[in-house]
Amino acid sequence: MLPVNVDQRVLGYLGRALSLELSAVQLYSTQAKLVEAWGLAEVAGKLSAEAGEELAHAERIISRMLALGAAPNASQLRPVQLGRNLQELLQANHAFESEVVSLYEAATRHSARVGDHDSRLFFEALHAEEKEHARHMLDWLQELQDVDTTVST
């Protein structure tokens, strides 16, 4: 399987994206089990749903790589970030999502620069979804802080 007329940096972005998306699946799945052990079933469900969304992203990336004639290879999964409480987990998740957003921003810019319209659109869509994930994590953190402020006053 050899890519035909595909910018190698676009393929590199796709490979890094696949690694990050599969890392996110591992991260959210592990965190879901952890918070379930803490007795936070509703939070576990939310984190499991996040894992499912990230898996869907990984599947889209795999399909894109195959369409471009490249064999998918997620070569560097990130270590799972855990914490002592939900706030620490969400802070780590927001930092992770922010990194993914940055990758998709760079991939979108590069694709536009080399005139790869299809890849630009592909990365733009993922960028928008991951930006929403990052915003969701930030909102969730704010809700926790608001509850902590209300409880301590």
Protein backbone atom coordinates (compact mmCIF):
# COMPACT_ATOMS: atom_id res chain seq x y z
CA MET A 1 0.00 0.00 0.00
CA LEU A 2 1.78 3.11 -1.18
CA PRO A 3 0.29 6.58 -0.94
CA VAL A 4 -0.20 8.22 -4.31
CA ASN A 5 0.54 11.95 -4.46
CA VAL A 6 -0.09 12.45 -0.76
CA ASP A 7 1.85 15.03 1.18
CA GLN A 8 4.00 13.16 3.69
CA ARG A 9 3.35 15.73 6.42
CA VAL A 10 -0.40 15.21 6.02
CA LEU A 11 0.22 11.50 6.59
CA GLY A 12 2.36 12.41 9.59
CA TYR A 13 -0.47 14.50 11.05
CA LEU A 14 -2.87 11.63 10.50
CA GLY A 15 -0.50 9.22 12.27
CA ARG A 16 -0.07 11.55 15.25
CA ALA A 17 -3.83 12.15 15.34
CA LEU A 18 -4.49 8.41 15.40
CA SER A 19 -2.05 7.97 18.27
CA LEU A 20 -3.70 10.78 20.23
CA GLU A 21 -7.26 9.61 19.57
CA LEU A 22 -6.44 6.05 20.64
CA SER A 23 -4.65 7.46 23.67
CA ALA A 24 -7.84 9.36 24.48
CA VAL A 25 -9.88 6.15 24.23
CA GLN A 26 -7.49 4.50 26.68
CA LEU A 27 -7.52 7.56 28.96
CA TYR A 28 -11.28 8.00 29.17
CA SER A 29 -11.97 4.26 29.45
CA THR A 30 -9.51 3.94 32.33
CA GLN A 31 -10.83 7.04 34.05
CA ALA A 32 -14.40 5.74 33.68
CA LYS A 33 -13.45 2.57 35.54
CA LEU A 34 -11.63 4.57 38.20
CA VAL A 35 -14.52 6.93 38.94
CA GLU A 36 -16.90 3.98 38.88
CA ALA A 37 -14.79 2.48 41.68
CA TRP A 38 -15.18 5.82 43.49
CA GLY A 39 -18.95 5.37 43.27
CA LEU A 40 -19.49 8.05 40.60
CA ALA A 41 -21.63 6.07 38.15
CA GLU A 42 -22.96 9.11 36.27
CA VAL A 43 -19.45 10.48 35.74
CA ALA A 44 -18.28 7.02 34.63
CA GLY A 45 -21.03 7.05 32.01
CA LYS A 46 -19.94 10.47 30.73
CA LEU A 47 -16.30 9.38 30.49
CA SER A 48 -17.31 6.16 28.71
CA ALA A 49 -19.28 8.25 26.22
CA GLU A 50 -16.17 10.43 25.67
CA ALA A 51 -14.17 7.25 24.98
CA GLY A 52 -16.76 6.26 22.39
CA GLU A 53 -16.52 9.63 20.65
CA GLU A 54 -12.74 9.39 20.54
CA LEU A 55 -12.95 5.86 19.13
CA ALA A 56 -15.21 7.20 16.38
CA HIS A 57 -12.53 9.82 15.60
CA ALA A 58 -9.88 7.09 15.44
CA GLU A 59 -12.04 5.08 13.05
CA ARG A 60 -12.50 8.13 10.80
CA ILE A 61 -8.73 8.67 10.77
CA ILE A 62 -8.13 5.02 9.91
CA SER A 63 -10.61 5.28 7.04
CA ARG A 64 -8.92 8.45 5.79
CA MET A 65 -5.47 6.88 5.92
CA LEU A 66 -6.68 3.80 4.05
CA ALA A 67 -8.35 6.02 1.43
CA LEU A 68 -5.01 7.78 0.95
CA GLY A 69 -3.24 4.43 0.55
CA ALA A 70 -1.45 4.51 3.90
CA ALA A 71 -1.42 1.75 6.49
CA PRO A 72 -2.64 3.14 9.85
CA ASN A 73 -0.10 2.89 12.62
CA ALA A 74 -0.66 4.39 16.06
CA SER A 75 2.87 4.10 17.28
CA GLN A 76 2.89 6.16 20.46
CA LEU A 77 0.05 5.83 22.94
CA ARG A 78 0.28 8.27 25.81
CA PRO A 79 0.42 7.08 29.40
CA VAL A 80 -2.91 7.41 31.17
CA GLN A 81 -3.23 10.47 33.41
CA LEU A 82 -5.00 9.73 36.67
CA GLY A 83 -5.67 11.91 39.68
CA ARG A 84 -6.79 11.85 43.27
CA ASN A 85 -10.18 13.37 42.50
CA LEU A 86 -12.49 14.29 39.65
CA GLN A 87 -11.13 17.82 39.38
CA GLU A 88 -7.59 16.53 38.78
CA LEU A 89 -8.87 14.10 36.14
CA LEU A 90 -10.73 16.84 34.32
CA GLN A 91 -7.75 19.20 34.45
CA ALA A 92 -5.58 16.50 32.85
CA ASN A 93 -8.31 15.82 30.27
CA HIS A 94 -8.61 19.49 29.37
CA ALA A 95 -4.84 19.73 28.88
CA PHE A 96 -4.93 16.61 26.69
CA GLU A 97 -7.86 17.91 24.62
CA SER A 98 -6.06 21.25 24.19
CA GLU A 99 -3.07 19.39 22.76
CA VAL A 100 -5.31 17.55 20.31
CA VAL A 101 -6.94 20.85 19.29
CA SER A 102 -3.49 22.32 18.60
CA LEU A 103 -2.55 19.32 16.44
CA TYR A 104 -5.69 19.69 14.35
CA GLU A 105 -5.11 23.44 13.99
CA ALA A 106 -1.62 22.80 12.67
CA ALA A 107 -2.83 19.99 10.39
CA THR A 108 -5.56 22.22 8.98
CA ARG A 109 -3.10 25.05 8.30
CA HIS A 110 -0.61 22.69 6.65
CA SER A 111 -3.26 21.05 4.48
CA ALA A 112 -4.45 24.48 3.32
CA ARG A 113 -0.86 25.57 2.64
CA VAL A 114 -0.16 22.54 0.39
CA GLY A 115 -3.53 22.82 -1.35
CA ASP A 116 -4.99 19.58 0.02
CA HIS A 117 -8.60 20.70 0.25
CA ASP A 118 -9.99 17.31 1.31
CA SER A 119 -7.51 16.93 4.16
CA ARG A 120 -8.14 20.51 5.25
CA LEU A 121 -11.86 19.81 5.50
CA PHE A 122 -11.19 16.53 7.29
CA PHE A 123 -8.94 18.17 9.89
CA GLU A 124 -11.27 21.17 10.25
CA ALA A 125 -14.14 18.86 11.20
CA LEU A 126 -12.05 17.03 13.79
CA HIS A 127 -10.73 20.36 15.08
CA ALA A 128 -14.26 21.65 15.66
CA GLU A 129 -15.27 18.47 17.50
CA GLU A 130 -12.18 18.45 19.69
CA LYS A 131 -12.60 22.15 20.47
CA GLU A 132 -16.06 21.25 21.71
CA HIS A 133 -14.59 18.45 23.85
CA ALA A 134 -12.07 20.87 25.37
CA ARG A 135 -14.82 23.41 26.06
CA HIS A 136 -16.96 20.69 27.61
CA MET A 137 -14.10 19.72 29.96
CA LEU A 138 -13.63 23.36 30.95
CA ASP A 139 -17.37 23.76 31.61
CA TRP A 140 -17.37 20.58 33.67
CA LEU A 141 -14.44 21.88 35.72
CA GLN A 142 -16.23 25.18 36.27
CA GLU A 143 -19.34 23.33 37.49
CA LEU A 144 -17.21 21.45 40.01
CA GLN A 145 -15.60 24.66 41.21
CA ASP A 146 -19.01 26.30 41.53
CA VAL A 147 -20.25 23.37 43.63
CA ASP A 148 -17.12 23.54 45.80
CA THR A 149 -17.64 27.30 46.31
CA THR A 150 -21.31 26.81 47.19
CA VAL A 151 -20.56 23.97 49.63
CA SER A 152 -17.76 25.85 51.40
CA THR A 153 -19.77 29.06 51.91
